[in-house]
Amino acid sequence: MQFKFSAGEKGSAGKPLLAIAATFIAEYEMAEGFNPSSEELHAFVNANAVFNCWPYWREYVHSTAARMNLPPLTLPFFRVRAPRPAKQKRLRAETGLTKKLEQQNSSKE
């Protein structure tokens, strides 16, 4: 996951005064025999992986700004919002991925 943050003077369209960027690697294991489609994997990356990496990005921005002796800088919490109609297809893919995982986990018990 790649994240970028920049800040500048209010109303200025010039170069930012502060720019912070980071890349996080999130590794996951799948249940044996589970073979999600590329659409399901894409939905997982765009939802769960971002959600899982966000707290580390938030802390990184905060601590980097503090080490630069800047005023406290805290990014907002990651928010999950209700999907817009164009995102319904992606939501169905995410739901399908969740159902497959639940089915596989329940069959192993």
PDB file of N, CA and C in Angstrom:
ATOM      1  N   MET A   1       0.852  -1.161   0.000  1.00  0.00           N
ATOM      2  CA  MET A   1       0.000   0.000   0.000  1.00  0.00           C
ATOM      3  C   MET A   1       0.903   1.229   0.000  1.00  0.00           C
ATOM      4  N   GLN A   2       0.602   2.171  -0.877  1.00  0.00           N
ATOM      5  CA  GLN A   2       1.352   3.419  -0.926  1.00  0.00           C
ATOM      6  C   GLN A   2       0.460   4.560  -0.462  1.00  0.00           C
ATOM      7  N   PHE A   3       1.000   5.369   0.432  1.00  0.00           N
ATOM      8  CA  PHE A   3       0.278   6.512   0.955  1.00  0.00           C
ATOM      9  C   PHE A   3       1.122   7.762   0.761  1.00  0.00           C
ATOM     10  N   LYS A   4       0.453   8.892   0.536  1.00  0.00           N
ATOM     11  CA  LYS A   4       1.144  10.174   0.402  1.00  0.00           C
ATOM     12  C   LYS A   4       0.347  11.246   1.127  1.00  0.00           C
ATOM     13  N   PHE A   5       1.072  12.154   1.756  1.00  0.00           N
ATOM     14  CA  PHE A   5       0.459  13.288   2.448  1.00  0.00           C
ATOM     15  C   PHE A   5       1.278  14.525   2.099  1.00  0.00           C
ATOM     16  N   SER A   6       0.593  15.615   1.788  1.00  0.00           N
ATOM     17  CA  SER A   6       1.311  16.871   1.557  1.00  0.00           C
ATOM     18  C   SER A   6       0.494  18.020   2.129  1.00  0.00           C
ATOM     19  N   ALA A   7       1.201  19.069   2.516  1.00  0.00           N
ATOM     20  CA  ALA A   7       0.552  20.248   3.088  1.00  0.00           C
ATOM     21  C   ALA A   7       1.308  21.483   2.623  1.00  0.00           C
ATOM     22  N   GLY A   8       0.567  22.550   2.435  1.00  0.00           N
ATOM     23  CA  GLY A   8       1.168  23.812   2.016  1.00  0.00           C
ATOM     24  C   GLY A   8       0.412  24.975   2.602  1.00  0.00           C
ATOM     25  N   GLU A   9       0.778  26.152   2.176  1.00  0.00           N
ATOM     26  CA  GLU A   9       0.093  27.348   2.660  1.00  0.00           C
ATOM     27  C   GLU A   9      -1.322  27.395   2.096  1.00  0.00           C
ATOM     28  N   LYS A  10      -2.235  27.842   2.913  1.00  0.00           N
ATOM     29  CA  LYS A  10      -3.626  27.937   2.506  1.00  0.00           C
ATOM     30  C   LYS A  10      -3.745  28.871   1.293  1.00  0.00           C
ATOM     31  N   GLY A  11      -4.415  28.379   0.264  1.00  0.00           N
ATOM     32  CA  GLY A  11      -4.631  29.183  -0.936  1.00  0.00           C
ATOM     33  C   GLY A  11      -3.464  29.194  -1.903  1.00  0.00           C
ATOM     34  N   SER A  12      -2.370  28.524  -1.558  1.00  0.00           N
ATOM     35  CA  SER A  12      -1.195  28.494  -2.427  1.00  0.00           C
ATOM     36  C   SER A  12      -1.246  27.262  -3.331  1.00  0.00           C
ATOM     37  N   ALA A  13      -0.956  27.462  -4.610  1.00  0.00           N
ATOM     38  CA  ALA A  13      -0.937  26.346  -5.552  1.00  0.00           C
ATOM     39  C   ALA A  13       0.491  25.896  -5.846  1.00  0.00           C
ATOM     40  N   GLY A  14       1.462  26.438  -5.132  1.00  0.00           N
ATOM     41  CA  GLY A  14       2.871  26.102  -5.354  1.00  0.00           C
ATOM     42  C   GLY A  14       3.250  24.767  -4.750  1.00  0.00           C
ATOM     43  N   LYS A  15       4.555  24.566  -4.640  1.00  0.00           N
ATOM     44  CA  LYS A  15       5.071  23.342  -4.047  1.00  0.00           C
ATOM     45  C   LYS A  15       4.606  23.211  -2.600  1.00  0.00           C
ATOM     46  N   PRO A  16       4.325  21.975  -2.165  1.00  0.00           N
ATOM     47  CA  PRO A  16       3.951  21.796  -0.755  1.00  0.00           C
ATOM     48  C   PRO A  16       5.136  22.080   0.165  1.00  0.00           C
ATOM     49  N   LEU A  17       4.834  22.535   1.353  1.00  0.00           N
ATOM     50  CA  LEU A  17       5.872  22.792   2.353  1.00  0.00           C
ATOM     51  C   LEU A  17       6.284  21.503   3.061  1.00  0.00           C
ATOM     52  N   LEU A  18       5.381  20.540   3.077  1.00  0.00           N
ATOM     53  CA  LEU A  18       5.628  19.268   3.732  1.00  0.00           C
ATOM     54  C   LEU A  18       5.077  18.157   2.855  1.00  0.00           C
ATOM     55  N   ALA A  19       5.855  17.120   2.647  1.00  0.00           N
ATOM     56  CA  ALA A  19       5.400  15.944   1.903  1.00  0.00           C
ATOM     57  C   ALA A  19       5.930  14.696   2.604  1.00  0.00           C
ATOM     58  N   ILE A  20       5.032  13.789   2.903  1.00  0.00           N
ATOM     59  CA  ILE A  20       5.397  12.531   3.557  1.00  0.00           C
ATOM     60  C   ILE A  20       4.798  11.407   2.727  1.00  0.00           C
ATOM     61  N   ALA A  21       5.593  10.395   2.449  1.00  0.00           N
ATOM     62  CA  ALA A  21       5.121   9.245   1.684  1.00  0.00           C
ATOM     63  C   ALA A  21       5.670   7.973   2.320  1.00  0.00           C
ATOM     64  N   ALA A  22       4.924   6.900   2.193  1.00  0.00           N
ATOM     65  CA  ALA A  22       5.378   5.617   2.738  1.00  0.00           C
ATOM     66  C   ALA A  22       4.722   4.483   1.969  1.00  0.00           C
ATOM     67  N   THR A  23       5.401   3.358   1.952  1.00  0.00           N
ATOM     68  CA  THR A  23       4.868   2.139   1.356  1.00  0.00           C
ATOM     69  C   THR A  23       4.846   1.068   2.434  1.00  0.00           C
ATOM     70  N   PHE A  24       3.715   0.405   2.589  1.00  0.00           N
ATOM     71  CA  PHE A  24       3.557  -0.667   3.562  1.00  0.00           C
ATOM     72  C   PHE A  24       3.270  -1.963   2.811  1.00  0.00           C
ATOM     73  N   ILE A  25       3.858  -3.030   3.282  1.00  0.00           N
ATOM     74  CA  ILE A  25       3.607  -4.338   2.692  1.00  0.00           C
ATOM     75  C   ILE A  25       2.756  -5.124   3.681  1.00  0.00           C
ATOM     76  N   ALA A  26       1.619  -5.579   3.217  1.00  0.00           N
ATOM     77  CA  ALA A  26       0.723  -6.386   4.044  1.00  0.00           C
ATOM     78  C   ALA A  26       0.670  -7.786   3.431  1.00  0.00           C
ATOM     79  N   GLU A  27       1.010  -8.780   4.213  1.00  0.00           N
ATOM     80  CA  GLU A  27       0.987 -10.160   3.732  1.00  0.00           C
ATOM     81  C   GLU A  27      -0.140 -10.913   4.418  1.00  0.00           C
ATOM     82  N   TYR A  28      -0.869 -11.681   3.631  1.00  0.00           N
ATOM     83  CA  TYR A  28      -2.000 -12.450   4.138  1.00  0.00           C
ATOM     84  C   TYR A  28      -1.849 -13.903   3.708  1.00  0.00           C
ATOM     85  N   GLU A  29      -2.412 -14.795   4.475  1.00  0.00           N
ATOM     86  CA  GLU A  29      -2.447 -16.211   4.113  1.00  0.00           C
ATOM     87  C   GLU A  29      -3.893 -16.591   3.845  1.00  0.00           C
ATOM     88  N   MET A  30      -4.074 -17.433   2.830  1.00  0.00           N
ATOM     89  CA  MET A  30      -5.418 -17.915   2.511  1.00  0.00           C
ATOM     90  C   MET A  30      -5.567 -19.351   2.988  1.00  0.00           C
ATOM     91  N   ALA A  31      -6.780 -19.698   3.283  1.00  0.00           N
ATOM     92  CA  ALA A  31      -7.060 -21.070   3.681  1.00  0.00           C
ATOM     93  C   ALA A  31      -6.704 -22.003   2.530  1.00  0.00           C
ATOM     94  N   GLU A  32      -6.207 -23.162   2.879  1.00  0.00           N
ATOM     95  CA  GLU A  32      -5.817 -24.131   1.870  1.00  0.00           C
ATOM     96  C   GLU A  32      -7.005 -24.463   0.961  1.00  0.00           C
ATOM     97  N   GLY A  33      -6.774 -24.433  -0.316  1.00  0.00           N
ATOM     98  CA  GLY A  33      -7.837 -24.753  -1.277  1.00  0.00           C
ATOM     99  C   GLY A  33      -8.695 -23.573  -1.678  1.00  0.00           C
ATOM    100  N   PHE A  34      -8.536 -22.449  -1.016  1.00  0.00           N
ATOM    101  CA  PHE A  34      -9.333 -21.253  -1.357  1.00  0.00           C
ATOM    102  C   PHE A  34      -8.661 -20.545  -2.521  1.00  0.00           C
ATOM    103  N   ASN A  35      -9.379 -20.381  -3.619  1.00  0.00           N
ATOM    104  CA  ASN A  35      -8.851 -19.736  -4.820  1.00  0.00           C
ATOM    105  C   ASN A  35      -9.770 -18.599  -5.245  1.00  0.00           C
ATOM    106  N   PRO A  36      -9.585 -17.410  -4.670  1.00  0.00           N
ATOM    107  CA  PRO A  36     -10.460 -16.284  -5.030  1.00  0.00           C
ATOM    108  C   PRO A  36     -10.188 -15.803  -6.460  1.00  0.00           C
ATOM    109  N   SER A  37     -11.195 -15.216  -7.048  1.00  0.00           N
ATOM    110  CA  SER A  37     -11.041 -14.646  -8.386  1.00  0.00           C
ATOM    111  C   SER A  37     -10.232 -13.360  -8.288  1.00  0.00           C
ATOM    112  N   SER A  38      -9.759 -12.873  -9.412  1.00  0.00           N
ATOM    113  CA  SER A  38      -8.998 -11.615  -9.406  1.00  0.00           C
ATOM    114  C   SER A  38      -9.886 -10.462  -8.947  1.00  0.00           C
ATOM    115  N   GLU A  39     -11.176 -10.515  -9.261  1.00  0.00           N
ATOM    116  CA  GLU A  39     -12.104  -9.472  -8.808  1.00  0.00           C
ATOM    117  C   GLU A  39     -12.228  -9.483  -7.284  1.00  0.00           C
ATOM    118  N   GLU A  40     -12.274 -10.673  -6.703  1.00  0.00           N
ATOM    119  CA  GLU A  40     -12.360 -10.785  -5.241  1.00  0.00           C
ATOM    120  C   GLU A  40     -11.073 -10.293  -4.579  1.00  0.00           C
ATOM    121  N   LEU A  41      -9.937 -10.630  -5.158  1.00  0.00           N
ATOM    122  CA  LEU A  41      -8.666 -10.154  -4.602  1.00  0.00           C
ATOM    123  C   LEU A  41      -8.568  -8.640  -4.686  1.00  0.00           C
ATOM    124  N   HIS A  42      -9.007  -8.079  -5.798  1.00  0.00           N
ATOM    125  CA  HIS A  42      -8.989  -6.624  -5.972  1.00  0.00           C
ATOM    126  C   HIS A  42      -9.883  -5.952  -4.919  1.00  0.00           C
ATOM    127  N   ALA A  43     -11.045  -6.515  -4.683  1.00  0.00           N
ATOM    128  CA  ALA A  43     -11.950  -5.964  -3.673  1.00  0.00           C
ATOM    129  C   ALA A  43     -11.322  -6.033  -2.285  1.00  0.00           C
ATOM    130  N   PHE A  44     -10.628  -7.132  -1.983  1.00  0.00           N
ATOM    131  CA  PHE A  44      -9.975  -7.277  -0.688  1.00  0.00           C
ATOM    132  C   PHE A  44      -8.889  -6.226  -0.503  1.00  0.00           C
ATOM    133  N   VAL A  45      -8.063  -6.036  -1.522  1.00  0.00           N
ATOM    134  CA  VAL A  45      -6.969  -5.060  -1.436  1.00  0.00           C
ATOM    135  C   VAL A  45      -7.530  -3.656  -1.226  1.00  0.00           C
ATOM    136  N   ASN A  46      -8.591  -3.306  -1.941  1.00  0.00           N
ATOM    137  CA  ASN A  46      -9.140  -1.955  -1.863  1.00  0.00           C
ATOM    138  C   ASN A  46      -9.952  -1.695  -0.606  1.00  0.00           C
ATOM    139  N   ALA A  47     -10.249  -2.708   0.150  1.00  0.00           N
ATOM    140  CA  ALA A  47     -11.014  -2.504   1.382  1.00  0.00           C
ATOM    141  C   ALA A  47     -10.182  -2.930   2.594  1.00  0.00           C
ATOM    142  N   ASN A  48     -10.039  -4.223   2.782  1.00  0.00           N
ATOM    143  CA  ASN A  48      -9.382  -4.732   3.981  1.00  0.00           C
ATOM    144  C   ASN A  48      -7.928  -4.303   4.102  1.00  0.00           C
ATOM    145  N   ALA A  49      -7.166  -4.418   3.029  1.00  0.00           N
ATOM    146  CA  ALA A  49      -5.741  -4.100   3.120  1.00  0.00           C
ATOM    147  C   ALA A  49      -5.519  -2.629   3.462  1.00  0.00           C
ATOM    148  N   VAL A  50      -6.293  -1.748   2.850  1.00  0.00           N
ATOM    149  CA  VAL A  50      -6.175  -0.316   3.179  1.00  0.00           C
ATOM    150  C   VAL A  50      -6.563  -0.101   4.638  1.00  0.00           C
ATOM    151  N   PHE A  51      -7.654  -0.716   5.055  1.00  0.00           N
ATOM    152  CA  PHE A  51      -8.122  -0.592   6.431  1.00  0.00           C
ATOM    153  C   PHE A  51      -7.063  -1.083   7.418  1.00  0.00           C
ATOM    154  N   ASN A  52      -6.387  -2.201   7.095  1.00  0.00           N
ATOM    155  CA  ASN A  52      -5.375  -2.764   7.989  1.00  0.00           C
ATOM    156  C   ASN A  52      -4.101  -1.930   8.039  1.00  0.00           C
ATOM    157  N   CYS A  53      -3.747  -1.265   6.960  1.00  0.00           N
ATOM    158  CA  CYS A  53      -2.512  -0.464   6.910  1.00  0.00           C
ATOM    159  C   CYS A  53      -2.706   0.963   7.434  1.00  0.00           C
ATOM    160  N   TRP A  54      -3.925   1.456   7.414  1.00  0.00           N
ATOM    161  CA  TRP A  54      -4.184   2.850   7.775  1.00  0.00           C
ATOM    162  C   TRP A  54      -3.633   3.246   9.150  1.00  0.00           C
ATOM    163  N   PRO A  55      -3.810   2.473  10.211  1.00  0.00           N
ATOM    164  CA  PRO A  55      -3.281   2.900  11.515  1.00  0.00           C
ATOM    165  C   PRO A  55      -1.762   3.092  11.510  1.00  0.00           C
ATOM    166  N   TYR A  56      -1.046   2.282  10.737  1.00  0.00           N
ATOM    167  CA  TYR A  56       0.412   2.419  10.663  1.00  0.00           C
ATOM    168  C   TYR A  56       0.799   3.686   9.904  1.00  0.00           C
ATOM    169  N   TRP A  57       0.056   4.007   8.856  1.00  0.00           N
ATOM    170  CA  TRP A  57       0.281   5.242   8.109  1.00  0.00           C
ATOM    171  C   TRP A  57       0.001   6.449   8.995  1.00  0.00           C
ATOM    172  N   ARG A  58      -1.086   6.386   9.716  1.00  0.00           N
ATOM    173  CA  ARG A  58      -1.478   7.473  10.613  1.00  0.00           C
ATOM    174  C   ARG A  58      -0.390   7.744  11.654  1.00  0.00           C
ATOM    175  N   GLU A  59       0.120   6.685  12.259  1.00  0.00           N
ATOM    176  CA  GLU A  59       1.177   6.820  13.263  1.00  0.00           C
ATOM    177  C   GLU A  59       2.464   7.339  12.627  1.00  0.00           C
ATOM    178  N   TYR A  60       2.770   6.879  11.423  1.00  0.00           N
ATOM    179  CA  TYR A  60       3.986   7.311  10.741  1.00  0.00           C
ATOM    180  C   TYR A  60       3.957   8.813  10.457  1.00  0.00           C
ATOM    181  N   VAL A  61       2.833   9.318   9.964  1.00  0.00           N
ATOM    182  CA  VAL A  61       2.709  10.756   9.700  1.00  0.00           C
ATOM    183  C   VAL A  61       2.861  11.539  11.006  1.00  0.00           C
ATOM    184  N   HIS A  62       2.200  11.090  12.049  1.00  0.00           N
ATOM    185  CA  HIS A  62       2.251  11.779  13.339  1.00  0.00           C
ATOM    186  C   HIS A  62       3.680  11.815  13.890  1.00  0.00           C
ATOM    187  N   SER A  63       4.354  10.667  13.918  1.00  0.00           N
ATOM    188  CA  SER A  63       5.701  10.624  14.502  1.00  0.00           C
ATOM    189  C   SER A  63       6.729  11.343  13.628  1.00  0.00           C
ATOM    190  N   THR A  64       6.553  11.292  12.301  1.00  0.00           N
ATOM    191  CA  THR A  64       7.484  11.999  11.416  1.00  0.00           C
ATOM    192  C   THR A  64       7.368  13.506  11.616  1.00  0.00           C
ATOM    193  N   ALA A  65       6.143  14.007  11.699  1.00  0.00           N
ATOM    194  CA  ALA A  65       5.944  15.442  11.942  1.00  0.00           C
ATOM    195  C   ALA A  65       6.522  15.840  13.299  1.00  0.00           C
ATOM    196  N   ALA A  66       6.356  14.989  14.308  1.00  0.00           N
ATOM    197  CA  ALA A  66       6.900  15.288  15.639  1.00  0.00           C
ATOM    198  C   ALA A  66       8.426  15.339  15.607  1.00  0.00           C
ATOM    199  N   ARG A  67       9.044  14.409  14.876  1.00  0.00           N
ATOM    200  CA  ARG A  67      10.510  14.413  14.786  1.00  0.00           C
ATOM    201  C   ARG A  67      11.027  15.638  14.041  1.00  0.00           C
ATOM    202  N   MET A  68      10.177  16.236  13.224  1.00  0.00           N
ATOM    203  CA  MET A  68      10.552  17.449  12.503  1.00  0.00           C
ATOM    204  C   MET A  68      10.248  18.692  13.328  1.00  0.00           C
ATOM    205  N   ASN A  69       9.802  18.483  14.574  1.00  0.00           N
ATOM    206  CA  ASN A  69       9.460  19.563  15.491  1.00  0.00           C
ATOM    207  C   ASN A  69       8.308  20.426  14.969  1.00  0.00           C
ATOM    208  N   LEU A  70       7.378  19.779  14.263  1.00  0.00           N
ATOM    209  CA  LEU A  70       6.179  20.460  13.778  1.00  0.00           C
ATOM    210  C   LEU A  70       5.061  20.293  14.798  1.00  0.00           C
ATOM    211  N   PRO A  71       4.054  21.130  14.726  1.00  0.00           N
ATOM    212  CA  PRO A  71       2.904  20.944  15.623  1.00  0.00           C
ATOM    213  C   PRO A  71       2.287  19.558  15.416  1.00  0.00           C
ATOM    214  N   PRO A  72       1.589  19.042  16.416  1.00  0.00           N
ATOM    215  CA  PRO A  72       0.982  17.710  16.283  1.00  0.00           C
ATOM    216  C   PRO A  72       0.136  17.607  15.012  1.00  0.00           C
ATOM    217  N   LEU A  73       0.360  16.548  14.283  1.00  0.00           N
ATOM    218  CA  LEU A  73      -0.350  16.312  13.028  1.00  0.00           C
ATOM    219  C   LEU A  73      -0.944  14.918  13.079  1.00  0.00           C
ATOM    220  N   THR A  74      -2.258  14.830  13.150  1.00  0.00           N
ATOM    221  CA  THR A  74      -2.932  13.544  13.244  1.00  0.00           C
ATOM    222  C   THR A  74      -3.927  13.401  12.108  1.00  0.00           C
ATOM    223  N   LEU A  75      -3.744  12.365  11.298  1.00  0.00           N
ATOM    224  CA  LEU A  75      -4.696  12.086  10.225  1.00  0.00           C
ATOM    225  C   LEU A  75      -5.983  11.547  10.834  1.00  0.00           C
ATOM    226  N   PRO A  76      -7.100  11.691  10.138  1.00  0.00           N
ATOM    227  CA  PRO A  76      -8.367  11.178  10.676  1.00  0.00           C
ATOM    228  C   PRO A  76      -8.395   9.655  10.679  1.00  0.00           C
ATOM    229  N   PHE A  77      -9.338   9.096  11.420  1.00  0.00           N
ATOM    230  CA  PHE A  77      -9.556   7.658  11.391  1.00  0.00           C
ATOM    231  C   PHE A  77     -10.035   7.273  10.002  1.00  0.00           C
ATOM    232  N   PHE A  78      -9.756   6.050   9.617  1.00  0.00           N
ATOM    233  CA  PHE A  78     -10.241   5.535   8.335  1.00  0.00           C
ATOM    234  C   PHE A  78     -11.740   5.312   8.474  1.00  0.00           C
ATOM    235  N   ARG A  79     -12.503   5.826   7.531  1.00  0.00           N
ATOM    236  CA  ARG A  79     -13.966   5.697   7.596  1.00  0.00           C
ATOM    237  C   ARG A  79     -14.461   4.849   6.441  1.00  0.00           C
ATOM    238  N   VAL A  80     -15.375   3.974   6.766  1.00  0.00           N
ATOM    239  CA  VAL A  80     -16.037   3.178   5.738  1.00  0.00           C
ATOM    240  C   VAL A  80     -17.403   3.800   5.548  1.00  0.00           C
ATOM    241  N   ARG A  81     -17.666   4.226   4.337  1.00  0.00           N
ATOM    242  CA  ARG A  81     -18.940   4.876   4.043  1.00  0.00           C
ATOM    243  C   ARG A  81     -19.812   3.960   3.202  1.00  0.00           C
ATOM    244  N   ALA A  82     -21.110   4.225   3.237  1.00  0.00           N
ATOM    245  CA  ALA A  82     -22.040   3.464   2.399  1.00  0.00           C
ATOM    246  C   ALA A  82     -21.664   3.674   0.935  1.00  0.00           C
ATOM    247  N   PRO A  83     -21.672   2.603   0.160  1.00  0.00           N
ATOM    248  CA  PRO A  83     -21.251   2.729  -1.243  1.00  0.00           C
ATOM    249  C   PRO A  83     -22.241   3.513  -2.091  1.00  0.00           C
ATOM    250  N   ARG A  84     -21.680   4.202  -3.066  1.00  0.00           N
ATOM    251  CA  ARG A  84     -22.513   4.869  -4.059  1.00  0.00           C
ATOM    252  C   ARG A  84     -22.979   3.816  -5.056  1.00  0.00           C
ATOM    253  N   PRO A  85     -24.046   4.065  -5.807  1.00  0.00           N
ATOM    254  CA  PRO A  85     -24.565   3.052  -6.741  1.00  0.00           C
ATOM    255  C   PRO A  85     -23.504   2.458  -7.660  1.00  0.00           C
ATOM    256  N   ALA A  86     -22.536   3.229  -8.103  1.00  0.00           N
ATOM    257  CA  ALA A  86     -21.499   2.713  -9.004  1.00  0.00           C
ATOM    258  C   ALA A  86     -20.598   1.707  -8.298  1.00  0.00           C
ATOM    259  N   LYS A  87     -20.587   1.729  -6.975  1.00  0.00           N
ATOM    260  CA  LYS A  87     -19.716   0.821  -6.226  1.00  0.00           C
ATOM    261  C   LYS A  87     -20.445  -0.447  -5.775  1.00  0.00           C
ATOM    262  N   GLN A  88     -21.690  -0.617  -6.159  1.00  0.00           N
ATOM    263  CA  GLN A  88     -22.444  -1.793  -5.734  1.00  0.00           C
ATOM    264  C   GLN A  88     -21.815  -3.088  -6.227  1.00  0.00           C
ATOM    265  N   LYS A  89     -21.276  -3.088  -7.443  1.00  0.00           N
ATOM    266  CA  LYS A  89     -20.654  -4.290  -7.986  1.00  0.00           C
ATOM    267  C   LYS A  89     -19.466  -4.704  -7.127  1.00  0.00           C
ATOM    268  N   ARG A  90     -18.639  -3.731  -6.719  1.00  0.00           N
ATOM    269  CA  ARG A  90     -17.489  -4.025  -5.872  1.00  0.00           C
ATOM    270  C   ARG A  90     -17.947  -4.563  -4.522  1.00  0.00           C
ATOM    271  N   LEU A  91     -19.009  -4.000  -3.978  1.00  0.00           N
ATOM    272  CA  LEU A  91     -19.534  -4.470  -2.694  1.00  0.00           C
ATOM    273  C   LEU A  91     -19.981  -5.917  -2.805  1.00  0.00           C
ATOM    274  N   ARG A  92     -20.641  -6.272  -3.904  1.00  0.00           N
ATOM    275  CA  ARG A  92     -21.066  -7.658  -4.098  1.00  0.00           C
ATOM    276  C   ARG A  92     -19.847  -8.578  -4.137  1.00  0.00           C
ATOM    277  N   ALA A  93     -18.775  -8.139  -4.774  1.00  0.00           N
ATOM    278  CA  ALA A  93     -17.555  -8.942  -4.839  1.00  0.00           C
ATOM    279  C   ALA A  93     -16.976  -9.135  -3.445  1.00  0.00           C
ATOM    280  N   GLU A  94     -16.955  -8.077  -2.634  1.00  0.00           N
ATOM    281  CA  GLU A  94     -16.433  -8.174  -1.273  1.00  0.00           C
ATOM    282  C   GLU A  94     -17.301  -9.116  -0.443  1.00  0.00           C
ATOM    283  N   THR A  95     -18.614  -9.016  -0.598  1.00  0.00           N
ATOM    284  CA  THR A  95     -19.531  -9.876   0.139  1.00  0.00           C
ATOM    285  C   THR A  95     -19.343 -11.318  -0.282  1.00  0.00           C
ATOM    286  N   GLY A  96     -19.157 -11.553  -1.582  1.00  0.00           N
ATOM    287  CA  GLY A  96     -18.922 -12.905  -2.079  1.00  0.00           C
ATOM    288  C   GLY A  96     -17.655 -13.494  -1.504  1.00  0.00           C
ATOM    289  N   LEU A  97     -16.607 -12.692  -1.383  1.00  0.00           N
ATOM    290  CA  LEU A  97     -15.351 -13.141  -0.808  1.00  0.00           C
ATOM    291  C   LEU A  97     -15.554 -13.528   0.654  1.00  0.00           C
ATOM    292  N   THR A  98     -16.287 -12.714   1.382  1.00  0.00           N
ATOM    293  CA  THR A  98     -16.554 -12.997   2.785  1.00  0.00           C
ATOM    294  C   THR A  98     -17.343 -14.293   2.935  1.00  0.00           C
ATOM    295  N   LYS A  99     -18.372 -14.482   2.099  1.00  0.00           N
ATOM    296  CA  LYS A  99     -19.182 -15.702   2.185  1.00  0.00           C
ATOM    297  C   LYS A  99     -18.349 -16.937   1.880  1.00  0.00           C
ATOM    298  N   LYS A 100     -17.465 -16.856   0.872  1.00  0.00           N
ATOM    299  CA  LYS A 100     -16.616 -18.004   0.544  1.00  0.00           C
ATOM    300  C   LYS A 100     -15.719 -18.356   1.723  1.00  0.00           C
ATOM    301  N   LEU A 101     -15.121 -17.338   2.352  1.00  0.00           N
ATOM    302  CA  LEU A 101     -14.256 -17.592   3.508  1.00  0.00           C
ATOM    303  C   LEU A 101     -15.037 -18.225   4.651  1.00  0.00           C
ATOM    304  N   GLU A 102     -16.237 -17.720   4.909  1.00  0.00           N
ATOM    305  CA  GLU A 102     -17.068 -18.257   5.979  1.00  0.00           C
ATOM    306  C   GLU A 102     -17.445 -19.712   5.694  1.00  0.00           C
ATOM    307  N   GLN A 103     -17.782 -20.005   4.438  1.00  0.00           N
ATOM    308  CA  GLN A 103     -18.154 -21.366   4.061  1.00  0.00           C
ATOM    309  C   GLN A 103     -16.974 -22.320   4.244  1.00  0.00           C
ATOM    310  N   GLN A 104     -15.786 -21.885   3.820  1.00  0.00           N
ATOM    311  CA  GLN A 104     -14.620 -22.734   3.953  1.00  0.00           C
ATOM    312  C   GLN A 104     -14.256 -22.949   5.415  1.00  0.00           C
ATOM    313  N   ASN A 105     -14.356 -21.906   6.217  1.00  0.00           N
ATOM    314  CA  ASN A 105     -14.020 -22.048   7.636  1.00  0.00           C
ATOM    315  C   ASN A 105     -15.017 -22.962   8.349  1.00  0.00           C
ATOM    316  N   SER A 106     -16.306 -22.863   8.003  1.00  0.00           N
ATOM    317  CA  SER A 106     -17.304 -23.681   8.678  1.00  0.00           C
ATOM    318  C   SER A 106     -17.190 -25.140   8.239  1.00  0.00           C
ATOM    319  N   SER A 107     -16.747 -25.392   7.006  1.00  0.00           N
ATOM    320  CA  SER A 107     -16.603 -26.770   6.548  1.00  0.00           C
ATOM    321  C   SER A 107     -15.409 -27.469   7.183  1.00  0.00           C
ATOM    322  N   LYS A 108     -14.446 -26.696   7.688  1.00  0.00           N
ATOM    323  CA  LYS A 108     -13.265 -27.275   8.334  1.00  0.00           C
ATOM    324  C   LYS A 108     -13.523 -27.638   9.792  1.00  0.00           C
ATOM    325  N   GLU A 109     -14.569 -27.092  10.370  1.00  0.00           N
ATOM    326  CA  GLU A 109     -14.846 -27.317  11.795  1.00  0.00           C
ATOM    327  C   GLU A 109     -15.542 -28.629  12.038  1.00  0.00           C
TER     328      GLU A 109
END
